[in-house]
Amino acid sequence: MKWRSSLVYLLVLLLVGGYFYYFEVVQKRQKELAAREAKKVFQFQAEQMSGLTIKPKDKEAVQIKKEGQWEIVEPIKAEADKSSVNEFLNALFNLEAEREVVAAPDDLKPFGLHEPSLVISFRTGEQKVELLIGDKNPVGDGSYAKTSDGTKVFLIAEGNRSVLDKGLNELRRRQLFTFQLDDVVALNLAYREGNIIAVERAADEKAWKVFGDSEIKIKQSKMDNFIEQIHWLRAQNFLENEPKNLLTYGLEPPLVTVTLRLKSGENAELRLAKKEKDEKQIAAFSSQLPAVVQVAASILDDLPEELSALQDRSLLGFKPDVVKEVKWSLGDSQGHAVQIDESRWGLKAGEGQPEPIKDSWHVRSFLWDLGDAEYQKKLDPAPPLASQPYCRIDLRNAEKSLLTLSWEKPPQEGRNPVPVWIQKEGETLAVSADADLLRRVESDLERLSQPEKVKSEK
């Protein structure tokens, strides 16, 4: 019967497919894996290693030991950088002999192995192993190498050599601080000239406030950004292993001292020296890294010099995702956008139903940009509110008006300040804003006024 023939054919097909998969895929993969394992210089697991010494010919030898965590013990005692050590160990564990050069040479001098440029010694359990790396080959894409317990000279890829050739400053911890971001409860910046900025977390540990003055609003994102910059600050060079000569490096007194108080009650302190001329690096000292170092001089540009740099000067003062409706007038044009659901916005004309916009992300982008916008300063005395402003934006939620922004037409070029009136909860505040910022907002509104609308399905 036909169904029996079909069953036989299916069975034969499955057998052929299984045969092909096993011998052409599985076994091929196993052979490739075995070939790669055979090329490995060392057969051990990285976690088996307990000690390691790196002896470059032209650098100081570095010895590190694993006592819970990897630590540098020679030529100084210092915490090792975890990522740098892991990169080194992975390169050593996966090191492959590209090809054998000589099985048992009578003389190692032609390969630069009589006085190796790099010797790596390590222990796995009770066994001590050495890797000797000599000269580059004539092509320059590899280096000659051999192990202390073997006779053959082989070639390793030049990329592997560069990873293995690590010195003290490349293996030691470079991150200046170890505190966690949410551990910071207070911040103090003290400048040499006498200016001091002091802020602290409020009782809810979320908002920030000025020390001794709860009326001044501090912007959360500015504080988060500043603390992150300090937390991730890294040493680019090491000037002194102990802070014995701070005066020599312009750190006694420093240009500025940043003190972070932690939840534990401890202080984390950063001292920064003055930038000289066009230098790209400045001297620094961290209380959580016992060494005088150099960091990127650009950190000075990121430090607030006045309290106003940390103040919340947002034009909105609330999260833009609470906005459900936007009305605007720009010159002679007007617009009205309404949120239809969580992912769609539509344009509304008169009392009719909103017509969905194809690219609703334009509205969301406009609102988020407006949410990030800040004014420069409050105007006192405040100029009178314009009766017919060039631009007027009314933001509403489902129940009421949240805020109204209005301003006169800004100049076509330049970044001169332009008066902006903020009407919120029955009060009017006059501020100055960057003209370029207002021109960008106006461009966003012009794009929203003429969006591509979703075509209704027929």
Protein backbone atom coordinates (compact mmCIF):
# COMPACT_ATOMS: atom_id res chain seq x y z
CA MET A 1 0.00 0.00 0.00
CA LYS A 2 1.03 3.57 -0.70
CA TRP A 3 1.14 4.61 2.94
CA ARG A 4 3.58 1.79 3.70
CA SER A 5 5.86 2.91 0.88
CA SER A 6 5.70 6.49 2.14
CA LEU A 7 6.59 5.33 5.66
CA VAL A 8 9.60 3.41 4.30
CA TYR A 9 10.77 6.45 2.33
CA LEU A 10 10.38 8.65 5.42
CA LEU A 11 12.36 6.20 7.54
CA VAL A 12 15.16 6.07 4.96
CA LEU A 13 15.19 9.87 4.80
CA LEU A 14 15.49 10.15 8.56
CA LEU A 15 18.34 7.62 8.63
CA VAL A 16 20.23 9.43 5.85
CA GLY A 17 19.64 12.80 7.54
CA GLY A 18 20.79 11.46 10.90
CA TYR A 19 23.89 9.90 9.29
CA PHE A 20 24.75 13.16 7.55
CA TYR A 21 24.20 15.26 10.72
CA TYR A 22 26.33 13.01 12.91
CA PHE A 23 29.28 12.49 10.57
CA GLU A 24 29.25 15.85 8.74
CA VAL A 25 28.22 18.19 11.55
CA VAL A 26 28.76 16.63 14.97
CA GLN A 27 32.01 14.82 14.23
CA LYS A 28 33.35 17.73 12.18
CA ARG A 29 32.69 20.07 15.08
CA GLN A 30 34.35 17.67 17.51
CA LYS A 31 37.41 17.39 15.26
CA GLU A 32 37.69 21.17 14.99
CA LEU A 33 37.41 21.49 18.77
CA ALA A 34 40.02 18.78 19.32
CA ALA A 35 42.35 20.49 16.81
CA ARG A 36 42.01 23.81 18.67
CA GLU A 37 42.63 22.12 22.03
CA ALA A 38 45.74 20.47 20.58
CA LYS A 39 47.07 23.88 19.54
CA LYS A 40 46.72 25.28 23.05
CA VAL A 41 50.04 25.94 24.73
CA PHE A 42 48.72 25.20 28.23
CA GLN A 43 46.14 22.73 29.47
CA PHE A 44 44.75 24.21 32.67
CA GLN A 45 41.81 26.18 33.99
CA ALA A 46 42.35 29.82 34.87
CA GLU A 47 40.83 29.34 38.34
CA GLN A 48 43.57 26.78 39.14
CA MET A 49 46.20 29.51 39.09
CA SER A 50 47.30 30.86 42.47
CA GLY A 51 50.33 33.00 41.63
CA LEU A 52 51.72 34.82 38.64
CA THR A 53 54.89 36.75 37.79
CA ILE A 54 55.40 38.86 34.66
CA LYS A 55 59.01 39.79 33.83
CA PRO A 56 59.29 42.14 30.84
CA LYS A 57 62.87 42.73 29.72
CA ASP A 58 62.54 46.52 29.80
CA LYS A 59 60.05 46.88 32.70
CA GLU A 60 59.87 46.12 36.39
CA ALA A 61 58.73 42.58 37.19
CA VAL A 62 55.21 42.33 38.57
CA GLN A 63 54.08 39.57 40.93
CA ILE A 64 50.43 39.01 41.75
CA LYS A 65 48.80 36.47 44.05
CA LYS A 66 45.28 35.27 44.51
CA GLU A 67 44.06 35.54 48.07
CA GLY A 68 40.34 35.70 47.52
CA GLN A 69 40.96 38.50 45.04
CA TRP A 70 44.02 39.12 42.89
CA GLU A 71 46.50 41.48 44.53
CA ILE A 72 49.83 42.89 43.42
CA VAL A 73 52.58 42.00 45.92
CA GLU A 74 55.68 43.13 43.99
CA PRO A 75 57.17 45.66 43.31
CA ILE A 76 54.51 47.32 45.53
CA LYS A 77 51.46 46.13 47.37
CA ALA A 78 48.36 47.30 45.51
CA GLU A 79 44.91 46.13 44.49
CA ALA A 80 44.88 44.56 41.03
CA ASP A 81 42.43 45.67 38.38
CA LYS A 82 39.99 42.79 37.97
CA SER A 83 39.23 43.34 34.27
CA SER A 84 42.92 43.69 33.33
CA VAL A 85 43.87 40.49 35.20
CA ASN A 86 40.95 38.58 33.67
CA GLU A 87 41.95 39.74 30.19
CA PHE A 88 45.51 38.54 30.84
CA LEU A 89 44.41 35.15 32.23
CA ASN A 90 42.01 34.53 29.35
CA ALA A 91 44.76 35.31 26.83
CA LEU A 92 47.15 32.95 28.64
CA PHE A 93 44.59 30.17 29.04
CA ASN A 94 43.54 30.36 25.37
CA LEU A 95 47.05 30.91 23.98
CA GLU A 96 47.64 28.86 20.84
CA ALA A 97 50.80 27.84 19.04
CA GLU A 98 50.20 29.13 15.53
CA ARG A 99 52.79 26.70 14.19
CA GLU A 100 55.90 24.84 15.29
CA VAL A 101 59.15 26.47 14.15
CA VAL A 102 61.82 24.08 15.44
CA ALA A 103 61.27 20.88 17.43
CA ALA A 104 64.54 21.01 19.41
CA PRO A 105 66.89 23.88 18.45
CA ASP A 106 70.58 23.70 19.35
CA ASP A 107 70.73 27.45 19.90
CA LEU A 108 67.93 29.73 21.20
CA LYS A 109 69.75 32.94 20.26
CA PRO A 110 68.33 33.23 16.69
CA PHE A 111 64.85 33.36 18.22
CA GLY A 112 65.67 35.87 20.97
CA LEU A 113 64.92 33.20 23.58
CA HIS A 114 68.37 33.11 25.19
CA GLU A 115 67.45 36.46 26.80
CA PRO A 116 63.63 36.53 26.45
CA SER A 117 61.90 39.90 26.12
CA LEU A 118 59.08 38.55 28.29
CA VAL A 119 58.90 35.72 30.82
CA ILE A 120 55.61 34.69 32.43
CA SER A 121 55.80 32.36 35.42
CA PHE A 122 52.78 30.90 37.17
CA ARG A 123 51.67 28.11 39.42
CA THR A 124 48.77 25.72 38.99
CA GLY A 125 48.60 23.69 42.17
CA GLU A 126 52.16 22.53 42.92
CA GLN A 127 53.35 22.85 39.33
CA LYS A 128 55.39 25.87 38.20
CA VAL A 129 55.34 26.73 34.51
CA GLU A 130 57.15 29.40 32.50
CA LEU A 131 56.41 30.89 29.12
CA LEU A 132 59.35 32.51 27.35
CA ILE A 133 58.66 35.00 24.54
CA GLY A 134 61.47 36.18 22.27
CA ASP A 135 61.82 38.18 19.06
CA LYS A 136 59.21 38.85 16.40
CA ASN A 137 59.36 36.73 13.28
CA PRO A 138 60.60 38.42 10.05
CA VAL A 139 57.03 39.03 8.84
CA GLY A 140 56.16 40.75 12.13
CA ASP A 141 52.82 39.00 12.69
CA GLY A 142 54.05 36.75 15.48
CA SER A 143 56.69 36.15 18.14
CA TYR A 144 58.86 33.13 18.91
CA ALA A 145 58.05 31.36 22.16
CA LYS A 146 58.70 28.21 24.17
CA THR A 147 57.77 26.78 27.55
CA SER A 148 60.29 25.94 30.27
CA ASP A 149 59.27 22.27 30.28
CA GLY A 150 59.34 21.84 26.50
CA THR A 151 61.99 21.87 23.75
CA LYS A 152 60.10 23.10 20.70
CA VAL A 153 60.03 26.71 19.56
CA PHE A 154 56.66 27.85 18.26
CA LEU A 155 55.02 31.00 17.02
CA ILE A 156 52.31 32.95 18.86
CA ALA A 157 50.17 35.68 17.31
CA GLU A 158 51.43 39.22 17.88
CA GLY A 159 48.03 40.24 19.25
CA ASN A 160 48.43 37.71 22.08
CA ARG A 161 51.89 39.00 22.90
CA SER A 162 50.60 42.58 23.31
CA VAL A 163 47.92 41.39 25.76
CA LEU A 164 50.43 39.36 27.79
CA ASP A 165 53.06 42.12 27.95
CA LYS A 166 51.61 43.91 30.99
CA GLY A 167 53.42 46.20 33.41
CA LEU A 168 52.59 47.42 36.91
CA ASN A 169 50.50 50.40 35.85
CA GLU A 170 48.50 48.26 33.44
CA LEU A 171 47.58 45.67 36.09
CA ARG A 172 46.91 47.83 39.13
CA ARG A 173 43.51 49.26 39.93
CA ARG A 174 42.91 52.55 38.16
CA GLN A 175 39.44 53.43 39.35
CA LEU A 176 39.84 56.13 41.99
CA PHE A 177 36.79 55.20 44.06
CA THR A 178 35.07 52.03 45.26
CA PHE A 179 31.87 53.48 46.78
CA GLN A 180 28.48 52.57 45.35
CA LEU A 181 26.50 55.33 43.66
CA ASP A 182 23.53 55.15 46.03
CA ASP A 183 25.84 55.26 49.08
CA VAL A 184 26.45 59.01 48.68
CA VAL A 185 24.32 61.10 51.05
CA ALA A 186 26.12 64.46 50.94
CA LEU A 187 28.47 66.39 48.67
CA ASN A 188 30.85 69.25 49.42
CA LEU A 189 32.97 71.12 46.87
CA ALA A 190 35.55 73.48 48.34
CA TYR A 191 37.52 75.68 45.94
CA ARG A 192 40.90 77.17 46.80
CA GLU A 193 39.50 80.68 46.28
CA GLY A 194 36.96 80.06 49.02
CA ASN A 195 33.78 79.16 47.15
CA ILE A 196 31.95 76.21 48.75
CA ILE A 197 29.01 74.17 47.44
CA ALA A 198 27.30 71.88 49.97
CA VAL A 199 24.27 69.70 49.22
CA GLU A 200 22.74 66.65 50.90
CA ARG A 201 20.05 64.07 50.31
CA ALA A 202 16.64 64.81 51.73
CA ALA A 203 15.04 62.51 54.31
CA ASP A 204 13.49 60.35 51.59
CA GLU A 205 17.02 59.74 50.17
CA LYS A 206 15.77 60.61 46.69
CA ALA A 207 15.72 64.36 46.29
CA TRP A 208 18.71 66.62 46.95
CA LYS A 209 18.67 69.89 48.85
CA VAL A 210 21.08 72.66 49.71
CA PHE A 211 22.63 72.21 53.11
CA GLY A 212 20.75 74.53 55.45
CA ASP A 213 18.30 75.81 52.80
CA SER A 214 15.46 73.52 51.69
CA GLU A 215 13.86 76.16 49.43
CA ILE A 216 16.45 75.85 46.62
CA LYS A 217 15.63 72.94 44.30
CA ILE A 218 18.51 70.73 43.13
CA LYS A 219 18.08 68.75 39.91
CA GLN A 220 18.32 65.01 40.49
CA SER A 221 19.79 64.20 37.06
CA LYS A 222 22.58 66.75 37.51
CA MET A 223 23.57 65.24 40.84
CA ASP A 224 23.41 61.69 39.49
CA ASN A 225 25.57 62.65 36.53
CA PHE A 226 28.14 64.42 38.69
CA ILE A 227 28.43 61.56 41.22
CA GLU A 228 28.81 59.06 38.36
CA GLN A 229 31.65 61.10 36.86
CA ILE A 230 33.50 61.05 40.18
CA HIS A 231 32.74 57.37 40.77
CA TRP A 232 34.09 56.24 37.38
CA LEU A 233 37.12 58.56 37.36
CA ARG A 234 40.22 56.57 36.36
CA ALA A 235 43.93 57.17 36.71
CA GLN A 236 45.67 57.68 33.39
CA ASN A 237 49.16 57.69 34.93
CA PHE A 238 50.67 57.08 38.36
CA LEU A 239 52.98 59.80 39.68
CA GLU A 240 53.74 58.50 43.18
CA ASN A 241 52.79 55.30 44.97
CA GLU A 242 52.23 57.10 48.28
CA PRO A 243 50.90 60.61 48.91
CA LYS A 244 54.12 61.95 50.44
CA ASN A 245 54.67 65.02 48.25
CA LEU A 246 51.22 66.49 47.62
CA LEU A 247 52.67 70.01 47.61
CA THR A 248 54.96 69.09 44.70
CA TYR A 249 51.98 68.14 42.55
CA GLY A 250 49.81 71.15 43.39
CA LEU A 251 47.60 69.16 45.75
CA GLU A 252 48.48 70.91 49.02
CA PRO A 253 46.35 72.93 48.82
CA PRO A 254 44.48 71.62 45.77
CA LEU A 255 42.50 73.73 43.32
CA VAL A 256 39.34 71.99 44.51
CA THR A 257 38.47 69.30 47.05
CA VAL A 258 35.41 67.10 46.47
CA THR A 259 34.16 65.37 49.61
CA LEU A 260 31.45 62.72 49.43
CA ARG A 261 29.85 61.59 52.67
CA LEU A 262 28.66 57.97 52.55
CA LYS A 263 25.88 56.17 54.38
CA SER A 264 28.49 54.47 56.55
CA GLY A 265 29.57 57.88 57.89
CA GLU A 266 32.91 57.69 56.07
CA ASN A 267 34.10 60.36 53.66
CA ALA A 268 35.47 59.77 50.16
CA GLU A 269 37.72 62.66 49.19
CA LEU A 270 39.11 63.78 45.83
CA ARG A 271 41.79 66.44 45.44
CA LEU A 272 42.39 68.00 42.04
CA ALA A 273 45.28 70.23 40.99
CA LYS A 274 45.07 73.27 38.74
CA LYS A 275 45.35 72.80 34.99
CA GLU A 276 48.47 74.39 33.51
CA LYS A 277 48.17 75.91 30.00
CA ASP A 278 47.08 73.29 27.45
CA GLU A 279 47.77 70.21 29.55
CA LYS A 280 45.45 67.27 28.96
CA GLN A 281 46.01 65.77 32.42
CA ILE A 282 46.09 67.07 35.99
CA ALA A 283 47.38 65.63 39.25
CA ALA A 284 44.80 64.06 41.56
CA PHE A 285 44.58 62.15 44.82
CA SER A 286 41.74 59.94 46.04
CA SER A 287 41.29 58.82 49.63
CA GLN A 288 40.25 55.40 48.27
CA LEU A 289 43.36 54.87 46.09
CA PRO A 290 46.66 55.43 47.94
CA ALA A 291 48.64 56.99 45.09
CA VAL A 292 49.16 60.33 43.40
CA VAL A 293 47.82 59.98 39.87
CA GLN A 294 46.98 61.90 36.74
CA VAL A 295 43.40 62.13 35.48
CA ALA A 296 41.84 63.77 32.44
CA ALA A 297 41.90 67.55 32.87
CA SER A 298 38.38 67.69 31.41
CA ILE A 299 37.00 66.72 34.85
CA LEU A 300 37.54 70.36 35.89
CA ASP A 301 35.12 71.47 33.17
CA ASP A 302 32.47 69.17 34.61
CA LEU A 303 32.69 70.46 38.17
CA PRO A 304 30.03 72.99 39.19
CA GLU A 305 31.67 76.28 40.18
CA GLU A 306 28.48 77.80 41.56
CA LEU A 307 25.44 76.33 43.28
CA SER A 308 23.30 77.54 40.37
CA ALA A 309 24.94 74.91 38.14
CA LEU A 310 23.19 72.20 40.21
CA GLN A 311 19.86 73.95 40.58
CA ASP A 312 16.76 72.64 38.90
CA ARG A 313 16.05 75.25 36.21
CA SER A 314 13.74 73.06 34.15
CA LEU A 315 11.20 74.89 32.05
CA LEU A 316 8.62 72.22 32.89
CA GLY A 317 9.36 71.09 36.43
CA PHE A 318 7.56 67.75 35.92
CA LYS A 319 8.02 64.56 33.92
CA PRO A 320 6.83 64.95 30.33
CA ASP A 321 5.05 61.57 30.30
CA VAL A 322 2.20 63.08 32.36
CA VAL A 323 1.30 65.33 29.40
CA LYS A 324 -1.76 64.07 27.49
CA GLU A 325 -2.55 67.13 25.39
CA VAL A 326 -0.49 69.86 23.69
CA LYS A 327 -1.91 73.09 22.28
CA TRP A 328 0.28 75.64 20.58
CA SER A 329 0.33 78.77 18.50
CA LEU A 330 3.40 79.74 16.50
CA GLY A 331 3.17 82.96 14.52
CA ASP A 332 0.00 82.62 12.45
CA SER A 333 -0.28 78.83 12.80
CA GLN A 334 -1.92 76.76 15.50
CA GLY A 335 -1.90 73.10 16.49
CA HIS A 336 -3.55 70.69 18.89
CA ALA A 337 -2.13 67.20 19.61
CA VAL A 338 -3.92 64.68 21.81
CA GLN A 339 -2.70 61.34 23.14
CA ILE A 340 -4.98 58.58 21.82
CA ASP A 341 -3.39 55.73 23.79
CA GLU A 342 0.01 54.88 25.27
CA SER A 343 1.66 54.56 21.87
CA ARG A 344 -0.33 56.90 19.60
CA TRP A 345 -0.92 60.63 19.25
CA GLY A 346 -3.32 62.39 16.93
CA LEU A 347 -3.96 65.90 15.60
CA LYS A 348 -7.26 67.48 16.52
CA ALA A 349 -9.11 70.18 14.58
CA GLY A 350 -11.88 72.02 16.43
CA GLU A 351 -14.18 69.71 18.38
CA GLY A 352 -13.65 66.72 16.05
CA GLN A 353 -11.92 63.47 16.87
CA PRO A 354 -8.10 63.42 16.70
CA GLU A 355 -6.66 61.96 13.50
CA PRO A 356 -3.78 59.56 14.25
CA ILE A 357 -0.27 60.68 13.31
CA LYS A 358 1.92 58.15 11.53
CA ASP A 359 5.09 59.09 13.45
CA SER A 360 3.83 59.66 16.99
CA TRP A 361 7.42 59.55 18.22
CA HIS A 362 7.78 63.15 16.97
CA VAL A 363 5.41 64.25 19.75
CA ARG A 364 7.19 62.17 22.38
CA SER A 365 10.57 63.48 21.21
CA PHE A 366 9.32 67.07 21.40
CA LEU A 367 8.05 66.54 24.96
CA TRP A 368 11.24 64.87 26.17
CA ASP A 369 13.38 67.61 24.61
CA LEU A 370 11.18 70.19 26.30
CA GLY A 371 11.49 68.25 29.57
CA ASP A 372 15.31 68.51 29.35
CA ALA A 373 15.24 72.23 28.49
CA GLU A 374 16.44 74.66 31.15
CA TYR A 375 16.24 78.40 31.56
CA GLN A 376 19.32 80.51 32.33
CA LYS A 377 18.05 82.61 35.24
CA LYS A 378 14.96 84.19 36.74
CA LEU A 379 14.23 87.76 35.66
CA ASP A 380 13.81 90.24 38.48
CA PRO A 381 12.12 92.57 37.92
CA ALA A 382 9.97 90.51 35.58
CA PRO A 383 8.98 92.09 32.24
CA PRO A 384 5.22 92.27 31.58
CA LEU A 385 3.64 89.22 29.98
CA ALA A 386 3.16 89.69 26.22
CA SER A 387 -0.50 89.87 25.25
CA GLN A 388 0.09 88.18 21.88
CA PRO A 389 3.36 86.20 22.11
CA TYR A 390 4.99 84.77 19.00
CA CYS A 391 4.97 81.26 20.52
CA ARG A 392 2.63 79.85 23.15
CA ILE A 393 2.54 76.23 24.35
CA ASP A 394 -0.12 74.84 26.68
CA LEU A 395 0.53 71.42 28.22
CA ARG A 396 -2.37 69.56 29.85
CA ASN A 397 -3.07 66.24 31.49
CA ALA A 398 -6.50 64.59 31.57
CA GLU A 399 -7.94 67.07 34.09
CA LYS A 400 -6.23 70.46 33.87
CA SER A 401 -3.58 72.71 32.42
CA LEU A 402 -0.14 71.80 33.73
CA LEU A 403 1.85 74.71 32.38
CA THR A 404 1.89 77.40 29.70
CA LEU A 405 5.08 78.69 28.05
CA SER A 406 5.19 81.82 25.90
CA TRP A 407 7.86 84.04 24.35
CA GLU A 408 8.46 86.69 21.74
CA LYS A 409 10.15 85.78 18.44
CA PRO A 410 13.82 85.03 19.07
CA PRO A 411 16.53 86.40 16.75
CA GLN A 412 17.35 84.26 13.72
CA GLU A 413 20.98 83.80 14.79
CA GLY A 414 23.02 83.79 17.98
CA ARG A 415 22.33 82.54 21.48
CA ASN A 416 21.29 85.74 23.18
CA PRO A 417 18.86 85.27 26.10
CA VAL A 418 15.16 85.67 25.33
CA PRO A 419 12.47 86.31 27.98
CA VAL A 420 10.13 83.35 28.56
CA TRP A 421 7.00 83.43 30.70
CA ILE A 422 6.03 80.31 32.65
CA GLN A 423 2.42 80.21 33.86
CA LYS A 424 1.77 77.45 36.36
CA GLU A 425 -0.89 76.98 39.05
CA GLY A 426 -2.05 80.58 38.81
CA GLU A 427 1.43 82.10 39.08
CA THR A 428 3.62 83.65 36.37
CA LEU A 429 7.40 83.42 36.39
CA ALA A 430 9.65 85.31 33.94
CA VAL A 431 12.98 83.70 33.02
CA SER A 432 15.62 84.02 30.31
CA ALA A 433 16.31 81.14 27.91
CA ASP A 434 18.85 80.48 25.19
CA ALA A 435 17.59 81.74 21.81
CA ASP A 436 18.98 78.66 20.06
CA LEU A 437 16.97 76.42 22.39
CA LEU A 438 13.74 78.29 21.58
CA ARG A 439 14.43 78.09 17.84
CA ARG A 440 14.78 74.30 18.15
CA VAL A 441 11.46 74.08 20.01
CA GLU A 442 9.82 76.15 17.28
CA SER A 443 11.24 73.82 14.60
CA ASP A 444 9.75 70.84 16.47
CA LEU A 445 6.35 72.56 16.50
CA GLU A 446 6.54 73.30 12.78
CA ARG A 447 7.21 69.61 12.12
CA LEU A 448 4.29 68.62 14.33
CA SER A 449 1.99 71.02 12.48
CA GLN A 450 2.44 69.11 9.21
CA PRO A 451 2.96 65.43 10.07
CA GLU A 452 2.21 62.49 7.81
CA LYS A 453 -1.12 61.15 8.99
CA VAL A 454 -2.14 57.52 9.15
CA LYS A 455 -4.26 56.54 6.17
CA SER A 456 -7.53 54.88 7.15
CA GLU A 457 -7.95 51.31 5.93
CA LYS A 458 -10.56 50.81 3.27
